[in-house]
N, C-alpha and C. Protein backbone atom coordinates (compact mmCIF):
# COMPACT_ATOMS: atom_id res chain seq x y z
N UNK A 1 29.75 -12.28 14.76
CA UNK A 1 30.57 -11.12 13.67
C UNK A 1 29.81 -9.29 14.47
N UNK A 2 31.13 -8.91 14.28
CA UNK A 2 31.23 -7.57 15.20
C UNK A 2 31.14 -6.94 13.80
N UNK A 3 30.09 -5.99 13.23
CA UNK A 3 30.65 -5.12 11.98
C UNK A 3 31.06 -4.08 12.41
N UNK A 4 31.18 -3.32 13.63
CA UNK A 4 31.49 -2.21 14.25
C UNK A 4 33.04 -2.54 13.97
N UNK A 5 33.72 -3.37 14.49
CA UNK A 5 35.27 -3.44 14.48
C UNK A 5 35.79 -4.23 12.72
N UNK A 6 34.85 -4.53 11.85
CA UNK A 6 35.77 -4.67 10.74
C UNK A 6 35.52 -3.42 9.84
N UNK A 7 35.14 -2.62 10.18
CA UNK A 7 35.10 -1.27 9.42
C UNK A 7 35.89 -0.32 10.11
N UNK A 8 37.18 0.46 10.04
CA UNK A 8 38.06 1.51 10.08
C UNK A 8 37.44 2.99 9.61
N UNK A 9 36.70 3.45 10.18
CA UNK A 9 36.23 4.72 9.67
C UNK A 9 37.32 5.91 9.61
N UNK A 10 38.42 5.93 10.33
CA UNK A 10 39.60 6.64 9.94
C UNK A 10 40.12 6.72 8.74
N UNK A 11 40.21 5.42 8.35
CA UNK A 11 41.05 5.44 7.23
C UNK A 11 40.23 6.05 5.91
N UNK A 12 41.04 6.14 4.95
CA UNK A 12 40.74 6.52 3.40
C UNK A 12 40.18 5.57 2.48
N UNK A 13 40.66 4.09 2.75
CA UNK A 13 40.73 2.94 1.82
C UNK A 13 39.08 2.65 1.74
N UNK A 14 38.27 2.95 2.92
CA UNK A 14 36.80 2.07 2.61
C UNK A 14 36.31 2.73 1.34
N UNK A 15 35.93 1.79 0.64
CA UNK A 15 35.18 2.32 -0.84
C UNK A 15 34.11 2.50 -0.18
N UNK A 16 33.12 2.91 -1.43
CA UNK A 16 31.67 2.73 -1.24
C UNK A 16 30.89 1.65 -1.16
N UNK A 17 31.13 0.56 -1.84
CA UNK A 17 30.38 -0.77 -1.20
C UNK A 17 30.42 -0.85 -0.03
N UNK A 18 31.52 -0.86 0.92
CA UNK A 18 31.94 -1.50 2.41
C UNK A 18 30.76 -0.80 3.11
N UNK A 19 31.00 1.09 2.43
CA UNK A 19 30.13 1.69 3.73
C UNK A 19 28.69 1.48 3.50
N UNK A 20 28.07 1.36 1.81
CA UNK A 20 26.70 0.88 2.04
C UNK A 20 26.51 -0.51 2.67
N UNK A 21 27.13 -1.29 2.83
CA UNK A 21 27.33 -2.63 3.18
C UNK A 21 27.36 -2.42 4.62
N UNK A 22 27.87 -1.70 5.57
CA UNK A 22 27.90 -1.74 6.67
C UNK A 22 26.40 -0.96 6.85
N UNK A 23 25.77 0.37 6.08
CA UNK A 23 24.95 0.72 6.86
C UNK A 23 23.59 -0.08 6.36
N UNK A 24 23.28 -1.24 5.51
CA UNK A 24 22.26 -1.80 5.16
C UNK A 24 22.52 -2.84 6.52
N UNK A 25 23.41 -3.29 6.58
CA UNK A 25 23.19 -4.05 7.96
C UNK A 25 22.75 -3.81 9.07
N UNK A 26 23.47 -2.45 9.25
CA UNK A 26 23.02 -1.58 10.50
C UNK A 26 21.75 -1.41 10.78
N UNK A 27 20.71 -1.22 9.39
CA UNK A 27 19.54 -0.89 8.93
C UNK A 27 18.04 -2.13 9.06
N UNK A 28 19.02 -3.12 8.88
CA UNK A 28 18.49 -4.16 8.89
C UNK A 28 18.35 -5.13 10.36
N UNK A 29 19.80 -4.78 10.97
CA UNK A 29 19.62 -5.06 12.49
C UNK A 29 18.63 -3.86 13.08
N UNK A 30 18.72 -2.73 13.05
CA UNK A 30 17.54 -1.71 13.48
C UNK A 30 15.96 -2.26 13.54
N UNK A 31 15.60 -2.68 11.86
CA UNK A 31 14.63 -2.86 11.43
C UNK A 31 14.03 -4.01 12.62
N UNK A 32 14.66 -5.33 12.42
CA UNK A 32 14.62 -6.52 13.39
C UNK A 32 14.83 -6.54 14.82
N UNK A 33 14.96 -5.57 15.27
CA UNK A 33 14.95 -5.05 16.50
C UNK A 33 13.68 -4.30 16.91
N UNK A 34 13.32 -3.35 16.13
CA UNK A 34 11.89 -2.46 16.17
C UNK A 34 10.85 -3.58 16.35
N UNK A 35 10.91 -4.31 15.34
CA UNK A 35 10.06 -5.16 15.31
C UNK A 35 9.50 -6.65 15.96
N UNK A 36 10.75 -6.89 16.24
CA UNK A 36 10.68 -7.78 17.42
C UNK A 36 9.82 -7.19 18.86
N UNK A 37 10.47 -5.66 19.03
CA UNK A 37 9.98 -5.87 20.42
C UNK A 37 8.54 -5.23 20.27
N UNK A 38 8.15 -4.86 19.02
CA UNK A 38 6.59 -4.52 18.74
C UNK A 38 5.72 -6.01 18.62
N UNK A 39 6.28 -6.90 18.06
CA UNK A 39 6.05 -8.22 18.07
C UNK A 39 5.45 -8.96 20.05
N UNK A 40 6.47 -8.56 20.27
CA UNK A 40 6.28 -8.71 22.25
C UNK A 40 5.07 -8.26 22.69
N UNK A 41 5.23 -6.88 22.36
CA UNK A 41 4.35 -6.16 22.89
C UNK A 41 2.63 -6.54 22.81
N UNK A 42 2.94 -6.95 21.14
CA UNK A 42 1.80 -7.21 20.48
C UNK A 42 1.35 -8.88 21.15
N UNK A 43 2.31 -9.59 21.19
CA UNK A 43 1.82 -10.76 22.20
C UNK A 43 1.13 -10.61 23.50
N UNK A 44 1.98 -10.03 24.06
CA UNK A 44 1.66 -9.22 25.46
C UNK A 44 0.09 -8.75 25.94
N UNK A 45 -0.36 -8.06 24.56
CA UNK A 45 -1.60 -7.45 24.77
C UNK A 45 -2.89 -8.61 24.22
N UNK A 46 -2.21 -9.78 23.63
CA UNK A 46 -3.24 -10.77 23.35
C UNK A 46 -3.51 -11.41 24.36
N UNK A 47 -2.14 -11.92 25.09
CA UNK A 47 -2.34 -12.68 26.27
C UNK A 47 -3.38 -11.96 27.56
N UNK A 48 -3.03 -10.51 27.51
CA UNK A 48 -3.72 -10.05 28.45
C UNK A 48 -5.31 -10.09 28.35
N UNK A 49 -5.15 -10.07 26.82
CA UNK A 49 -7.18 -9.64 26.73
C UNK A 49 -7.80 -10.96 26.99
N UNK A 50 -6.98 -12.15 26.43
CA UNK A 50 -7.54 -13.80 27.05
C UNK A 50 -7.61 -13.56 28.15
N UNK A 51 -6.58 -13.22 29.25
CA UNK A 51 -6.94 -13.41 30.82
C UNK A 51 -8.16 -12.09 30.95
N UNK A 52 -8.18 -11.12 30.09
CA UNK A 52 -9.64 -10.32 30.98
C UNK A 52 -10.73 -10.96 30.74
N UNK A 53 -10.47 -11.55 29.33
CA UNK A 53 -11.65 -11.84 29.12
C UNK A 53 -12.15 -13.09 29.74
N UNK A 54 -11.67 -14.18 30.42
CA UNK A 54 -12.30 -14.76 30.84
C UNK A 54 -12.51 -14.84 32.32
N UNK A 55 -11.87 -13.55 33.05
CA UNK A 55 -12.26 -12.99 34.08
C UNK A 55 -13.80 -12.51 33.89
N UNK A 56 -13.82 -11.50 32.87
CA UNK A 56 -15.48 -11.02 32.42
C UNK A 56 -16.41 -11.78 32.14
N UNK A 57 -16.40 -13.25 31.93
CA UNK A 57 -17.17 -14.15 31.23
C UNK A 57 -17.85 -14.54 32.87
N UNK A 58 -17.24 -14.70 33.78
CA UNK A 58 -17.64 -15.11 35.08
C UNK A 58 -18.90 -14.45 35.46
N UNK A 59 -18.50 -12.86 35.29
CA UNK A 59 -19.28 -12.08 36.05
C UNK A 59 -20.73 -12.05 34.84
N UNK A 60 -20.30 -12.06 33.47
CA UNK A 60 -21.61 -12.01 32.50
C UNK A 60 -22.44 -13.30 32.97
N UNK A 61 -22.04 -14.62 32.96
CA UNK A 61 -23.14 -15.63 33.21
C UNK A 61 -23.68 -15.27 34.53
N UNK A 62 -23.15 -14.95 35.81
CA UNK A 62 -24.09 -14.28 36.59
C UNK A 62 -25.51 -13.43 36.50
N UNK A 63 -25.15 -12.83 35.83
CA UNK A 63 -26.24 -11.38 35.60
C UNK A 63 -27.13 -12.22 34.47
N UNK A 64 -26.60 -13.19 33.80
CA UNK A 64 -27.62 -13.80 32.95
C UNK A 64 -28.64 -14.59 33.37
N UNK A 65 -28.31 -14.99 35.15
CA UNK A 65 -29.62 -16.02 35.66
C UNK A 65 -30.69 -15.45 36.30
N UNK A 66 -30.37 -13.38 36.38
CA UNK A 66 -31.44 -12.47 36.81
C UNK A 66 -32.59 -12.55 35.98
N UNK A 67 -34.06 -12.90 36.26
CA UNK A 67 -34.70 -12.86 35.68
C UNK A 67 -35.03 -11.09 35.01
N UNK A 68 -35.28 -10.87 33.75
CA UNK A 68 -35.76 -9.76 33.22
C UNK A 68 -37.09 -9.81 33.21
N UNK A 69 -37.69 -8.62 33.83
CA UNK A 69 -38.81 -8.14 33.28
C UNK A 69 -38.89 -7.09 32.51
N UNK A 70 -39.90 -7.22 31.30
CA UNK A 70 -40.16 -6.45 30.38
C UNK A 70 -41.31 -5.71 30.93
N UNK A 71 -41.58 -4.57 30.61
CA UNK A 71 -42.40 -3.36 30.85
C UNK A 71 -43.20 -3.29 29.65
N UNK A 72 -44.69 -3.74 29.25
CA UNK A 72 -45.57 -3.28 27.86
C UNK A 72 -45.79 -2.35 27.85
N UNK A 73 -46.04 -0.98 28.61
CA UNK A 73 -46.97 0.03 28.45
C UNK A 73 -46.22 0.80 29.59
N UNK A 74 -45.74 2.03 28.90
CA UNK A 74 -45.01 3.12 29.56
C UNK A 74 -45.46 3.96 30.15
N UNK A 75 -44.99 4.44 31.63
CA UNK A 75 -46.54 4.92 32.45
C UNK A 75 -46.56 6.62 31.28
N UNK A 76 -47.60 6.97 31.34
CA UNK A 76 -47.72 8.25 30.60
C UNK A 76 -48.10 9.54 30.98
N UNK A 77 -47.31 10.27 30.66
CA UNK A 77 -47.37 11.40 31.15
C UNK A 77 -48.36 12.72 30.63
N UNK A 78 -48.56 13.67 31.67
CA UNK A 78 -49.73 14.74 31.10
C UNK A 78 -48.59 15.71 30.27
N UNK A 79 -49.47 16.45 29.63
CA UNK A 79 -48.96 17.81 29.25
C UNK A 79 -48.11 18.85 30.66
N UNK A 80 -49.03 18.69 31.21
CA UNK A 80 -48.44 19.47 32.16
C UNK A 80 -47.27 19.01 33.14
N UNK A 81 -47.37 17.51 33.35
CA UNK A 81 -46.31 17.52 33.82
C UNK A 81 -44.68 17.83 32.90
N UNK A 82 -44.67 17.32 31.48
CA UNK A 82 -44.05 17.59 30.78
C UNK A 82 -43.35 18.89 30.76
N UNK A 83 -44.57 20.08 30.76
CA UNK A 83 -43.89 21.37 31.05
C UNK A 83 -43.33 21.51 31.93
N UNK A 84 -43.78 21.12 33.12
CA UNK A 84 -42.95 21.41 34.77
C UNK A 84 -42.14 20.77 35.07
N UNK A 85 -41.47 19.99 34.22
CA UNK A 85 -40.01 19.21 34.23
C UNK A 85 -39.26 19.96 33.08
N UNK A 86 -39.48 20.34 32.56
CA UNK A 86 -38.59 21.48 31.30
C UNK A 86 -38.76 22.67 31.85
N UNK A 87 -39.45 23.09 32.44
CA UNK A 87 -39.25 24.49 33.65
C UNK A 87 -38.19 24.03 34.68
N UNK A 88 -38.46 23.12 35.22
CA UNK A 88 -37.43 22.68 36.57
C UNK A 88 -36.00 22.40 35.49
N UNK A 89 -36.01 22.04 34.30
CA UNK A 89 -34.23 21.73 33.90
C UNK A 89 -33.73 23.13 33.66
N UNK A 90 -34.64 23.76 32.86
CA UNK A 90 -33.88 25.53 32.75
C UNK A 90 -33.75 26.16 33.68
N UNK A 91 -34.52 25.96 34.81
CA UNK A 91 -34.27 26.68 36.17
C UNK A 91 -32.84 25.92 36.68
N UNK A 92 -32.63 24.74 36.62
CA UNK A 92 -31.22 23.97 37.11
C UNK A 92 -30.38 24.66 36.44
N UNK A 93 -30.38 24.51 35.15
CA UNK A 93 -29.51 25.19 34.07
C UNK A 93 -28.97 26.69 34.40
N UNK A 94 -29.94 27.53 34.61
CA UNK A 94 -29.77 29.06 35.01
C UNK A 94 -29.12 29.25 35.99
N UNK A 95 -29.15 27.98 37.52
CA UNK A 95 -28.75 28.29 38.68
C UNK A 95 -27.10 27.45 38.85
N UNK A 96 -27.12 26.65 37.68
CA UNK A 96 -25.79 26.20 37.47
C UNK A 96 -24.75 27.11 37.10
N UNK A 97 -25.27 28.05 36.42
CA UNK A 97 -24.20 28.59 35.51
C UNK A 97 -23.63 29.60 36.61
N UNK A 98 -21.90 30.17 36.46
CA UNK A 98 -21.51 30.45 37.45
C UNK A 98 -21.66 32.36 36.98
N UNK A 99 -22.46 32.22 36.02
CA UNK A 99 -22.45 34.26 35.52
C UNK A 99 -22.70 35.23 36.45
N UNK A 100 -23.41 34.65 38.13
CA UNK A 100 -24.18 35.45 38.66
C UNK A 100 -25.69 35.80 38.37
N UNK A 101 -25.91 35.05 37.98
CA UNK A 101 -27.20 35.37 37.33
C UNK A 101 -28.50 35.17 38.63
N UNK A 102 -29.45 35.92 39.55
CA UNK A 102 -30.03 35.62 39.87
C UNK A 102 -31.66 35.51 38.95
N UNK A 103 -31.94 34.01 39.68
CA UNK A 103 -33.73 33.58 38.82
C UNK A 103 -34.37 33.56 39.87
N UNK A 104 -35.39 33.63 39.69
CA UNK A 104 -36.31 33.36 40.95
C UNK A 104 -37.77 33.65 39.98
N UNK A 105 -38.46 32.17 40.48
CA UNK A 105 -39.59 31.56 40.05
C UNK A 105 -40.67 32.31 40.85
N UNK A 106 -41.63 32.80 39.90
CA UNK A 106 -43.10 33.85 40.47
C UNK A 106 -43.85 32.33 41.23
N UNK A 107 -44.28 31.95 39.93
CA UNK A 107 -45.38 30.74 40.28
C UNK A 107 -45.61 29.64 39.37
N UNK A 108 -46.00 28.28 39.85
CA UNK A 108 -46.67 27.50 39.00
C UNK A 108 -47.96 27.39 39.38
N UNK A 109 -48.72 26.96 37.91
CA UNK A 109 -50.45 27.22 38.39
C UNK A 109 -50.28 25.63 37.42
N UNK A 110 -51.06 24.97 38.11
CA UNK A 110 -52.12 23.78 36.85
C UNK A 110 -53.50 24.21 36.63
N UNK A 111 -53.97 23.62 35.34
CA UNK A 111 -55.21 24.12 35.12
C UNK A 111 -55.78 23.01 35.91
């Protein structure tokens, strides 16, 4: 049934009820169209997730077969090494800035 052909908008004989019915049917058809497209997109995303999840699980099983080594004791660094690392990081940060800052290191001394 074509609702557009049922109502003649040029004539003044259409009453308020006919216009509201036409508006309501247009509104419902629009809502159904929008939500049906959203449901189709949702189903495509679910299908894509299932397909990609099946591909990624094959890679996980190969990585799980590799033995895992546990480090029981972390290497200890002396306080001098930490200071040198901090100074080197500060120098690298100063050199990476494009402000034209010239930075010169005079000396490093170990005790």
